[in-house]
Structures are given as C-alpha cells and as structure tokens.
C-alpha cells in the first residue's frame, strides 16, 4: 500500500513575522516541573525559574500567529547561593521585573487600571498557581527582534498594554465592535 501526501498541501512558512503593533493575545502556559507550584521551567542559566507563555493573536489579519514570552518568576535558591552578590542582584531584578509583567498581564486581561488599589483589584492580582495565566486574553505591543548569530528574526512582546494606556481603550473598542459584528452576523433574522 502506498502513501500519497499530495492532498496535504504545501508547507506553510511558520516563521513569517507579524508587523509591529498592538495585538490581542491568548496565553497558553507551557508547564514545566519547577517552582513553588511545579509549573515553571528552569532556565539554562541555572537559578532562573520562568513562566513560558505561548501567545496566540486572536483578532485581525494575523489571527493564529504566535509569539512566545518567558517571564522570570522565581529563583532556585540553591543555585543562587553560589553566585556573587552582583550576579545575585541581577537575578533578583529579573524576578522583580517578571512580577511587574505578570501584574500587567492581569491588569490588561481584567481591565484593571494599574493605579487601582481597591480590594477588587487586589483580589484579581492574587492567584493560586501560574496556571491562572492559561487562557488569559490581553493586549500587548509586539515588536520584531533582529536576527543574531544562528537565530532567525522573531517577534517579541515588548510590553503589555494596560488600561491606563490610550491604546488599550482604542483596542478594546475595536474588539467590542468585532464581537458585536460577529453576533449580528450569527443571528438568522
């Protein structure tokens, strides 16, 4: 019996970049086996434990395109102890920045103004484990990272767009209009 793959069609170029801009993304956690909840991945550098997110564009012309994000969330204290004070401080800074990024994703996903210190906002910033980020939809500024050495050019998340950014309201309005159009198109009358 022969195998014919002609009907499978040609291979798509999975490496084409999306142009820089603000996109609505859906996060999927790529779970690991490290960290306080067992969902983080260990970085090659040793002490860093990070949350790896596969983020898929969910609206517009580039729907379905993916960009990955690595967020340093915790440190392996055992590996950290062997480092110099300066190196340790660099890793601690990475964790502080990572925690700010996590908060920005939550702010974007739940439409929380970053200056909101209410109990409701505080409750949204509290989560049991990193799987809480699985399925979250948020806005982010995507940029292109130039090719270097053996790495191809790629897209990267530059920053998370939060409700205090005028671009957030503009994008949220576009999302609402698109959802309304989808609902109108779905009605049979």
C-alpha atoms as a PDB file:
ATOM      1  CA  UNK A   1       0.000   0.000   0.000  1.00  0.00           C
ATOM      2  CA  UNK A   2       1.428   3.369  -0.990  1.00  0.00           C
ATOM      3  CA  UNK A   3       1.148   6.624   0.896  1.00  0.00           C
ATOM      4  CA  UNK A   4       0.179   9.739  -1.028  1.00  0.00           C
ATOM      5  CA  UNK A   5       0.598  13.110   0.685  1.00  0.00           C
ATOM      6  CA  UNK A   6      -0.280  15.303  -2.304  1.00  0.00           C
ATOM      7  CA  UNK A   7      -3.595  16.373  -0.752  1.00  0.00           C
ATOM      8  CA  UNK A   8      -1.806  17.557   2.390  1.00  0.00           C
ATOM      9  CA  UNK A   9      -0.838  20.753   0.566  1.00  0.00           C
ATOM     10  CA  UNK A  10       2.442  22.662   0.730  1.00  0.00           C
ATOM     11  CA  UNK A  11       4.200  23.501   3.964  1.00  0.00           C
ATOM     12  CA  UNK A  12       3.341  26.938   5.279  1.00  0.00           C
ATOM     13  CA  UNK A  13       6.031  29.377   6.244  1.00  0.00           C
ATOM     14  CA  UNK A  14       5.727  29.220  10.014  1.00  0.00           C
ATOM     15  CA  UNK A  15       8.444  31.802  10.546  1.00  0.00           C
ATOM     16  CA  UNK A  16       6.945  34.849   8.862  1.00  0.00           C
ATOM     17  CA  UNK A  17       6.858  37.801  11.205  1.00  0.00           C
ATOM     18  CA  UNK A  18       3.862  39.902  12.068  1.00  0.00           C
ATOM     19  CA  UNK A  19       4.365  43.647  11.795  1.00  0.00           C
ATOM     20  CA  UNK A  20       4.970  45.631  14.978  1.00  0.00           C
ATOM     21  CA  UNK A  21       1.819  46.831  16.680  1.00  0.00           C
ATOM     22  CA  UNK A  22      -0.696  46.181  19.427  1.00  0.00           C
ATOM     23  CA  UNK A  23      -2.390  42.787  19.288  1.00  0.00           C
ATOM     24  CA  UNK A  24      -4.901  40.917  21.414  1.00  0.00           C
ATOM     25  CA  UNK A  25      -3.343  37.672  22.574  1.00  0.00           C
ATOM     26  CA  UNK A  26      -4.483  34.494  24.317  1.00  0.00           C
ATOM     27  CA  UNK A  27      -1.869  32.942  26.596  1.00  0.00           C
ATOM     28  CA  UNK A  28      -1.195  29.239  26.920  1.00  0.00           C
ATOM     29  CA  UNK A  29       1.096  28.180  29.744  1.00  0.00           C
ATOM     30  CA  UNK A  30       3.862  25.781  28.704  1.00  0.00           C
ATOM     31  CA  UNK A  31       4.075  23.950  32.007  1.00  0.00           C
ATOM     32  CA  UNK A  32       7.332  22.796  33.497  1.00  0.00           C
ATOM     33  CA  UNK A  33       8.252  20.939  36.659  1.00  0.00           C
ATOM     34  CA  UNK A  34       9.911  23.604  38.790  1.00  0.00           C
ATOM     35  CA  UNK A  35       8.975  26.473  41.087  1.00  0.00           C
ATOM     36  CA  UNK A  36       6.634  26.843  44.016  1.00  0.00           C
ATOM     37  CA  UNK A  37       3.711  25.334  42.102  1.00  0.00           C
ATOM     38  CA  UNK A  38       5.593  22.999  39.757  1.00  0.00           C
ATOM     39  CA  UNK A  39       4.537  24.890  36.606  1.00  0.00           C
ATOM     40  CA  UNK A  40       7.714  26.870  35.915  1.00  0.00           C
ATOM     41  CA  UNK A  41      10.601  25.949  33.661  1.00  0.00           C
ATOM     42  CA  UNK A  42      14.237  26.026  34.672  1.00  0.00           C
ATOM     43  CA  UNK A  43      16.362  28.391  32.570  1.00  0.00           C
ATOM     44  CA  UNK A  44      19.670  27.286  31.115  1.00  0.00           C
ATOM     45  CA  UNK A  45      21.401  29.920  33.254  1.00  0.00           C
ATOM     46  CA  UNK A  46      20.701  27.929  36.420  1.00  0.00           C
ATOM     47  CA  UNK A  47      18.901  29.960  39.072  1.00  0.00           C
ATOM     48  CA  UNK A  48      16.060  31.416  36.966  1.00  0.00           C
ATOM     49  CA  UNK A  49      12.654  29.753  37.021  1.00  0.00           C
ATOM     50  CA  UNK A  50      10.283  31.150  34.453  1.00  0.00           C
ATOM     51  CA  UNK A  51       6.777  31.040  33.130  1.00  0.00           C
ATOM     52  CA  UNK A  52       6.770  30.282  29.428  1.00  0.00           C
ATOM     53  CA  UNK A  53       3.744  31.555  27.551  1.00  0.00           C
ATOM     54  CA  UNK A  54       2.720  30.698  24.016  1.00  0.00           C
ATOM     55  CA  UNK A  55       0.662  33.726  22.992  1.00  0.00           C
ATOM     56  CA  UNK A  56      -1.656  33.475  20.005  1.00  0.00           C
ATOM     57  CA  UNK A  57      -3.031  36.504  18.154  1.00  0.00           C
ATOM     58  CA  UNK A  58      -6.814  36.144  18.414  1.00  0.00           C
ATOM     59  CA  UNK A  59      -8.080  39.022  16.272  1.00  0.00           C
ATOM     60  CA  UNK A  60      -7.462  40.606  12.934  1.00  0.00           C
ATOM     61  CA  UNK A  61      -5.386  39.855   9.898  1.00  0.00           C
ATOM     62  CA  UNK A  62      -2.701  37.937  11.805  1.00  0.00           C
ATOM     63  CA  UNK A  63      -5.148  35.740  13.735  1.00  0.00           C
ATOM     64  CA  UNK A  64      -3.460  32.495  14.723  1.00  0.00           C
ATOM     65  CA  UNK A  65       0.117  33.773  14.643  1.00  0.00           C
ATOM     66  CA  UNK A  66       2.144  33.013  17.756  1.00  0.00           C
ATOM     67  CA  UNK A  67       4.732  34.772  19.868  1.00  0.00           C
ATOM     68  CA  UNK A  68       6.397  33.338  22.964  1.00  0.00           C
ATOM     69  CA  UNK A  69       7.203  35.081  26.201  1.00  0.00           C
ATOM     70  CA  UNK A  70       9.484  33.977  29.045  1.00  0.00           C
ATOM     71  CA  UNK A  71       8.828  35.659  32.384  1.00  0.00           C
ATOM     72  CA  UNK A  72      11.287  35.140  35.230  1.00  0.00           C
ATOM     73  CA  UNK A  73       9.094  34.495  38.282  1.00  0.00           C
ATOM     74  CA  UNK A  74      11.227  32.759  40.895  1.00  0.00           C
ATOM     75  CA  UNK A  75      14.783  31.695  41.617  1.00  0.00           C
ATOM     76  CA  UNK A  76      16.309  28.391  42.647  1.00  0.00           C
ATOM     77  CA  UNK A  77      17.763  29.464  45.987  1.00  0.00           C
ATOM     78  CA  UNK A  78      20.331  26.641  45.962  1.00  0.00           C
ATOM     79  CA  UNK A  79      21.822  27.761  42.635  1.00  0.00           C
ATOM     80  CA  UNK A  80      21.570  31.408  43.676  1.00  0.00           C
ATOM     81  CA  UNK A  81      23.689  30.920  46.804  1.00  0.00           C
ATOM     82  CA  UNK A  82      26.772  30.066  44.745  1.00  0.00           C
ATOM     83  CA  UNK A  83      26.742  33.407  42.887  1.00  0.00           C
ATOM     84  CA  UNK A  84      28.487  36.681  43.618  1.00  0.00           C
ATOM     85  CA  UNK A  85      26.450  39.486  45.185  1.00  0.00           C
ATOM     86  CA  UNK A  86      26.291  41.391  41.869  1.00  0.00           C
ATOM     87  CA  UNK A  87      25.067  38.342  39.931  1.00  0.00           C
ATOM     88  CA  UNK A  88      22.517  37.588  42.639  1.00  0.00           C
ATOM     89  CA  UNK A  89      21.199  41.151  42.431  1.00  0.00           C
ATOM     90  CA  UNK A  90      20.823  40.817  38.631  1.00  0.00           C
ATOM     91  CA  UNK A  91      18.674  37.702  39.078  1.00  0.00           C
ATOM     92  CA  UNK A  92      16.603  39.352  41.816  1.00  0.00           C
ATOM     93  CA  UNK A  93      15.997  42.304  39.491  1.00  0.00           C
ATOM     94  CA  UNK A  94      14.792  39.891  36.802  1.00  0.00           C
ATOM     95  CA  UNK A  95      12.249  38.471  39.264  1.00  0.00           C
ATOM     96  CA  UNK A  96      11.028  41.956  40.223  1.00  0.00           C
ATOM     97  CA  UNK A  97      10.563  42.831  36.532  1.00  0.00           C
ATOM     98  CA  UNK A  98       8.858  39.499  35.899  1.00  0.00           C
ATOM     99  CA  UNK A  99       6.365  40.076  38.702  1.00  0.00           C
ATOM    100  CA  UNK A 100       5.555  43.506  37.221  1.00  0.00           C
ATOM    101  CA  UNK A 101       4.942  41.851  33.838  1.00  0.00           C
ATOM    102  CA  UNK A 102       2.622  39.289  35.441  1.00  0.00           C
ATOM    103  CA  UNK A 103       0.667  42.095  37.083  1.00  0.00           C
ATOM    104  CA  UNK A 104       0.460  43.978  33.774  1.00  0.00           C
ATOM    105  CA  UNK A 105      -0.969  40.865  32.072  1.00  0.00           C
ATOM    106  CA  UNK A 106      -3.615  40.607  34.801  1.00  0.00           C
ATOM    107  CA  UNK A 107      -4.370  44.340  34.542  1.00  0.00           C
ATOM    108  CA  UNK A 108      -4.785  44.055  30.778  1.00  0.00           C
ATOM    109  CA  UNK A 109      -6.843  40.863  30.939  1.00  0.00           C
ATOM    110  CA  UNK A 110      -9.198  42.090  33.663  1.00  0.00           C
ATOM    111  CA  UNK A 111      -9.320  45.791  32.645  1.00  0.00           C
ATOM    112  CA  UNK A 112      -7.750  46.962  35.904  1.00  0.00           C
ATOM    113  CA  UNK A 113      -6.213  50.422  35.992  1.00  0.00           C
ATOM    114  CA  UNK A 114      -2.655  49.967  37.346  1.00  0.00           C
ATOM    115  CA  UNK A 115      -3.275  52.707  39.924  1.00  0.00           C
ATOM    116  CA  UNK A 116      -6.380  50.920  41.278  1.00  0.00           C
ATOM    117  CA  UNK A 117      -5.667  49.835  44.868  1.00  0.00           C
ATOM    118  CA  UNK A 118      -9.185  48.636  45.642  1.00  0.00           C
ATOM    119  CA  UNK A 119      -9.872  45.263  47.255  1.00  0.00           C
ATOM    120  CA  UNK A 120     -11.389  44.059  43.968  1.00  0.00           C
ATOM    121  CA  UNK A 121      -8.174  44.888  42.088  1.00  0.00           C
ATOM    122  CA  UNK A 122      -6.033  43.288  44.798  1.00  0.00           C
ATOM    123  CA  UNK A 123      -8.139  40.126  44.565  1.00  0.00           C
ATOM    124  CA  UNK A 124      -7.511  39.881  40.794  1.00  0.00           C
ATOM    125  CA  UNK A 125      -3.753  40.141  41.439  1.00  0.00           C
ATOM    126  CA  UNK A 126      -3.858  37.126  43.752  1.00  0.00           C
ATOM    127  CA  UNK A 127      -3.647  33.651  42.189  1.00  0.00           C
ATOM    128  CA  UNK A 128      -3.087  30.120  43.451  1.00  0.00           C
ATOM    129  CA  UNK A 129      -0.653  28.976  40.772  1.00  0.00           C
ATOM    130  CA  UNK A 130       0.820  30.077  37.460  1.00  0.00           C
ATOM    131  CA  UNK A 131      -1.805  28.108  35.524  1.00  0.00           C
ATOM    132  CA  UNK A 132      -4.055  31.100  36.313  1.00  0.00           C
ATOM    133  CA  UNK A 133      -2.451  32.692  33.237  1.00  0.00           C
ATOM    134  CA  UNK A 134      -3.564  29.857  30.973  1.00  0.00           C
ATOM    135  CA  UNK A 135      -6.246  31.184  28.620  1.00  0.00           C
ATOM    136  CA  UNK A 136      -5.983  34.838  29.661  1.00  0.00           C
ATOM    137  CA  UNK A 137      -6.601  37.332  26.863  1.00  0.00           C
ATOM    138  CA  UNK A 138      -4.667  40.592  26.950  1.00  0.00           C
ATOM    139  CA  UNK A 139      -3.218  43.311  24.743  1.00  0.00           C
ATOM    140  CA  UNK A 140       0.493  43.590  24.035  1.00  0.00           C
ATOM    141  CA  UNK A 141       2.856  45.603  21.871  1.00  0.00           C
ATOM    142  CA  UNK A 142       4.632  43.193  19.535  1.00  0.00           C
ATOM    143  CA  UNK A 143       7.979  44.109  18.011  1.00  0.00           C
ATOM    144  CA  UNK A 144      10.467  42.422  15.701  1.00  0.00           C
ATOM    145  CA  UNK A 145      13.754  41.162  17.101  1.00  0.00           C
ATOM    146  CA  UNK A 146      16.533  41.203  14.504  1.00  0.00           C
ATOM    147  CA  UNK A 147      18.334  38.011  13.564  1.00  0.00           C
ATOM    148  CA  UNK A 148      21.532  37.380  15.514  1.00  0.00           C
ATOM    149  CA  UNK A 149      24.177  34.721  15.004  1.00  0.00           C
ATOM    150  CA  UNK A 150      22.305  31.456  14.437  1.00  0.00           C
ATOM    151  CA  UNK A 151      18.858  32.811  15.426  1.00  0.00           C
ATOM    152  CA  UNK A 152      16.313  33.951  12.852  1.00  0.00           C
ATOM    153  CA  UNK A 153      14.452  37.228  13.226  1.00  0.00           C
ATOM    154  CA  UNK A 154      11.468  36.793  15.535  1.00  0.00           C
ATOM    155  CA  UNK A 155       8.583  38.574  17.155  1.00  0.00           C
ATOM    156  CA  UNK A 156       8.756  39.520  20.796  1.00  0.00           C
ATOM    157  CA  UNK A 157       6.376  41.065  23.315  1.00  0.00           C
ATOM    158  CA  UNK A 158       7.811  44.490  24.044  1.00  0.00           C
ATOM    159  CA  UNK A 159       5.314  45.467  26.738  1.00  0.00           C
ATOM    160  CA  UNK A 160       1.817  44.712  27.961  1.00  0.00           C
ATOM    161  CA  UNK A 161      -0.808  47.320  27.105  1.00  0.00           C
ATOM    162  CA  UNK A 162      -2.777  48.183  30.245  1.00  0.00           C
ATOM    163  CA  UNK A 163      -5.980  50.244  30.706  1.00  0.00           C
ATOM    164  CA  UNK A 164      -4.051  53.428  31.561  1.00  0.00           C
ATOM    165  CA  UNK A 165      -2.605  53.437  28.018  1.00  0.00           C
ATOM    166  CA  UNK A 166      -4.828  55.229  25.432  1.00  0.00           C
ATOM    167  CA  UNK A 167      -4.093  52.375  23.017  1.00  0.00           C
ATOM    168  CA  UNK A 168      -5.883  49.962  25.367  1.00  0.00           C
ATOM    169  CA  UNK A 169      -9.214  51.774  25.055  1.00  0.00           C
ATOM    170  CA  UNK A 170      -8.785  52.019  21.279  1.00  0.00           C
ATOM    171  CA  UNK A 171      -8.115  48.280  21.008  1.00  0.00           C
ATOM    172  CA  UNK A 172     -10.907  47.359  23.444  1.00  0.00           C
ATOM    173  CA  UNK A 173     -13.358  49.372  21.348  1.00  0.00           C
ATOM    174  CA  UNK A 174     -12.230  47.530  18.183  1.00  0.00           C
ATOM    175  CA  UNK A 175     -12.655  44.208  20.000  1.00  0.00           C
ATOM    176  CA  UNK A 176     -16.170  45.142  21.163  1.00  0.00           C
ATOM    177  CA  UNK A 177     -17.176  46.234  17.636  1.00  0.00           C
ATOM    178  CA  UNK A 178     -15.832  42.988  16.155  1.00  0.00           C
ATOM    179  CA  UNK A 179     -17.725  40.933  18.752  1.00  0.00           C
ATOM    180  CA  UNK A 180     -20.931  42.863  18.029  1.00  0.00           C
ATOM    181  CA  UNK A 181     -20.494  42.275  14.288  1.00  0.00           C
ATOM    182  CA  UNK A 182     -19.960  38.549  14.900  1.00  0.00           C
ATOM    183  CA  UNK A 183     -23.147  38.442  16.984  1.00  0.00           C
ATOM    184  CA  UNK A 184     -25.115  40.376  14.340  1.00  0.00           C
ATOM    185  CA  UNK A 185     -23.839  38.040  11.588  1.00  0.00           C
ATOM    186  CA  UNK A 186     -24.799  34.977  13.631  1.00  0.00           C
ATOM    187  CA  UNK A 187     -28.447  35.999  14.062  1.00  0.00           C
ATOM    188  CA  UNK A 188     -30.695  34.375  11.414  1.00  0.00           C
ATOM    189  CA  UNK A 189     -33.078  37.349  11.183  1.00  0.00           C
END
